[in-house]
Amino acid sequence: MAGLRVSPSRDRLLFGLRVREERRRQGLTLEELGERTSLVWNYIASVERGERNITMDNASVLAKGLGLPLWTLLQDSSEVYPKDSP
């Protein structure tokens, strides 16, 4: 069944969204985060889109590159940035 695409899980999409939100919040480009982590920018972009089933090792590398504990990237955005927070 070559070419069969499975939709990314909700958790994978949320993780990618959290990486993208934090990268943009810090004003980093994909290339800059790639330099910090030794991961290729297009790999990071595919993680952000939820296309990669990322390993825990690479998830940890991304978190360190963003200066965050890994658990913060595993939280739902609404848990990290509640709608009623300033």
C-alpha atoms as a PDB file:
ATOM      1  CA  MET A   1       0.000   0.000   0.000  1.00  0.00           C
ATOM      2  CA  ALA A   2       2.577   2.510  -1.035  1.00  0.00           C
ATOM      3  CA  GLY A   3       1.470   6.110  -0.828  1.00  0.00           C
ATOM      4  CA  LEU A   4      -1.181   5.486   1.836  1.00  0.00           C
ATOM      5  CA  ARG A   5      -1.282   8.494   4.146  1.00  0.00           C
ATOM      6  CA  VAL A   6      -2.529   8.288   7.677  1.00  0.00           C
ATOM      7  CA  SER A   7      -3.787  11.476   9.288  1.00  0.00           C
ATOM      8  CA  PRO A   8      -1.527  12.692  12.080  1.00  0.00           C
ATOM      9  CA  SER A   9      -2.767  12.151  15.601  1.00  0.00           C
ATOM     10  CA  ARG A  10      -4.116  15.024  17.655  1.00  0.00           C
ATOM     11  CA  ASP A  11      -1.118  14.747  19.976  1.00  0.00           C
ATOM     12  CA  ARG A  12       1.337  14.964  17.090  1.00  0.00           C
ATOM     13  CA  LEU A  13      -0.456  18.028  15.724  1.00  0.00           C
ATOM     14  CA  LEU A  14      -0.505  19.689  19.159  1.00  0.00           C
ATOM     15  CA  PHE A  15       3.193  19.012  19.696  1.00  0.00           C
ATOM     16  CA  GLY A  16       4.037  20.552  16.328  1.00  0.00           C
ATOM     17  CA  LEU A  17       1.829  23.537  17.070  1.00  0.00           C
ATOM     18  CA  ARG A  18       3.566  24.067  20.414  1.00  0.00           C
ATOM     19  CA  VAL A  19       7.010  23.940  18.759  1.00  0.00           C
ATOM     20  CA  ARG A  20       5.896  26.462  16.119  1.00  0.00           C
ATOM     21  CA  GLU A  21       4.250  28.772  18.681  1.00  0.00           C
ATOM     22  CA  GLU A  22       7.325  28.798  20.886  1.00  0.00           C
ATOM     23  CA  ARG A  23       9.758  29.212  17.974  1.00  0.00           C
ATOM     24  CA  ARG A  24       7.790  32.192  16.676  1.00  0.00           C
ATOM     25  CA  ARG A  25       7.359  33.646  20.176  1.00  0.00           C
ATOM     26  CA  GLN A  26      11.144  33.633  20.489  1.00  0.00           C
ATOM     27  CA  GLY A  27      11.511  35.204  17.035  1.00  0.00           C
ATOM     28  CA  LEU A  28      13.440  32.251  15.610  1.00  0.00           C
ATOM     29  CA  THR A  29      13.408  31.089  12.015  1.00  0.00           C
ATOM     30  CA  LEU A  30      13.372  27.410  11.171  1.00  0.00           C
ATOM     31  CA  GLU A  31      16.999  27.747  10.124  1.00  0.00           C
ATOM     32  CA  GLU A  32      18.009  29.323  13.452  1.00  0.00           C
ATOM     33  CA  LEU A  33      16.305  26.582  15.439  1.00  0.00           C
ATOM     34  CA  GLY A  34      17.995  24.079  13.163  1.00  0.00           C
ATOM     35  CA  GLU A  35      21.392  25.574  13.981  1.00  0.00           C
ATOM     36  CA  ARG A  36      20.634  25.391  17.706  1.00  0.00           C
ATOM     37  CA  THR A  37      19.573  21.760  17.495  1.00  0.00           C
ATOM     38  CA  SER A  38      21.612  20.313  14.616  1.00  0.00           C
ATOM     39  CA  LEU A  39      18.303  19.275  13.036  1.00  0.00           C
ATOM     40  CA  VAL A  40      17.621  20.177   9.415  1.00  0.00           C
ATOM     41  CA  TRP A  41      15.117  23.038   9.045  1.00  0.00           C
ATOM     42  CA  ASN A  42      12.781  21.094   6.750  1.00  0.00           C
ATOM     43  CA  TYR A  43      12.613  18.258   9.307  1.00  0.00           C
ATOM     44  CA  ILE A  44      11.577  20.818  11.966  1.00  0.00           C
ATOM     45  CA  ALA A  45       8.984  22.241   9.559  1.00  0.00           C
ATOM     46  CA  SER A  46       7.498  18.778   9.016  1.00  0.00           C
ATOM     47  CA  VAL A  47       7.373  18.257  12.804  1.00  0.00           C
ATOM     48  CA  GLU A  48       5.537  21.565  13.155  1.00  0.00           C
ATOM     49  CA  ARG A  49       2.989  20.429  10.552  1.00  0.00           C
ATOM     50  CA  GLY A  50       2.469  17.138  12.403  1.00  0.00           C
ATOM     51  CA  GLU A  51       3.857  15.076   9.534  1.00  0.00           C
ATOM     52  CA  ARG A  52       6.624  13.410  11.565  1.00  0.00           C
ATOM     53  CA  ASN A  53       6.201  10.831  14.271  1.00  0.00           C
ATOM     54  CA  ILE A  54       9.097  12.381  16.163  1.00  0.00           C
ATOM     55  CA  THR A  55      11.266  10.352  18.543  1.00  0.00           C
ATOM     56  CA  MET A  56      11.606  11.315  22.189  1.00  0.00           C
ATOM     57  CA  ASP A  57      15.280  12.044  21.527  1.00  0.00           C
ATOM     58  CA  ASN A  58      14.486  14.612  18.846  1.00  0.00           C
ATOM     59  CA  ALA A  59      11.614  16.048  20.896  1.00  0.00           C
ATOM     60  CA  SER A  60      14.092  16.579  23.728  1.00  0.00           C
ATOM     61  CA  VAL A  61      16.598  18.197  21.346  1.00  0.00           C
ATOM     62  CA  LEU A  62      13.916  20.620  20.131  1.00  0.00           C
ATOM     63  CA  ALA A  63      12.907  21.480  23.684  1.00  0.00           C
ATOM     64  CA  LYS A  64      16.523  22.171  24.646  1.00  0.00           C
ATOM     65  CA  GLY A  65      16.980  24.274  21.507  1.00  0.00           C
ATOM     66  CA  LEU A  66      14.018  26.357  22.608  1.00  0.00           C
ATOM     67  CA  GLY A  67      15.320  26.544  26.173  1.00  0.00           C
ATOM     68  CA  LEU A  68      12.316  24.705  27.582  1.00  0.00           C
ATOM     69  CA  PRO A  69      11.660  21.558  29.559  1.00  0.00           C
ATOM     70  CA  LEU A  70      10.204  18.908  27.256  1.00  0.00           C
ATOM     71  CA  TRP A  71       6.925  18.685  29.193  1.00  0.00           C
ATOM     72  CA  THR A  72       5.981  22.221  28.126  1.00  0.00           C
ATOM     73  CA  LEU A  73       5.898  21.132  24.489  1.00  0.00           C
ATOM     74  CA  LEU A  74       3.683  18.185  25.381  1.00  0.00           C
ATOM     75  CA  GLN A  75       0.947  20.356  26.857  1.00  0.00           C
ATOM     76  CA  ASP A  76      -2.086  21.549  24.973  1.00  0.00           C
ATOM     77  CA  SER A  77      -1.755  25.241  24.057  1.00  0.00           C
ATOM     78  CA  SER A  78      -4.862  26.111  26.047  1.00  0.00           C
ATOM     79  CA  GLU A  79      -3.165  24.657  29.141  1.00  0.00           C
ATOM     80  CA  VAL A  80      -0.045  26.740  28.580  1.00  0.00           C
ATOM     81  CA  TYR A  81      -1.735  29.953  27.423  1.00  0.00           C
ATOM     82  CA  PRO A  82      -5.196  30.084  29.003  1.00  0.00           C
ATOM     83  CA  LYS A  83      -7.607  32.326  27.089  1.00  0.00           C
ATOM     84  CA  ASP A  84      -8.234  34.536  30.118  1.00  0.00           C
ATOM     85  CA  SER A  85      -4.542  35.159  30.875  1.00  0.00           C
ATOM     86  CA  PRO A  86      -3.075  38.605  30.118  1.00  0.00           C
END
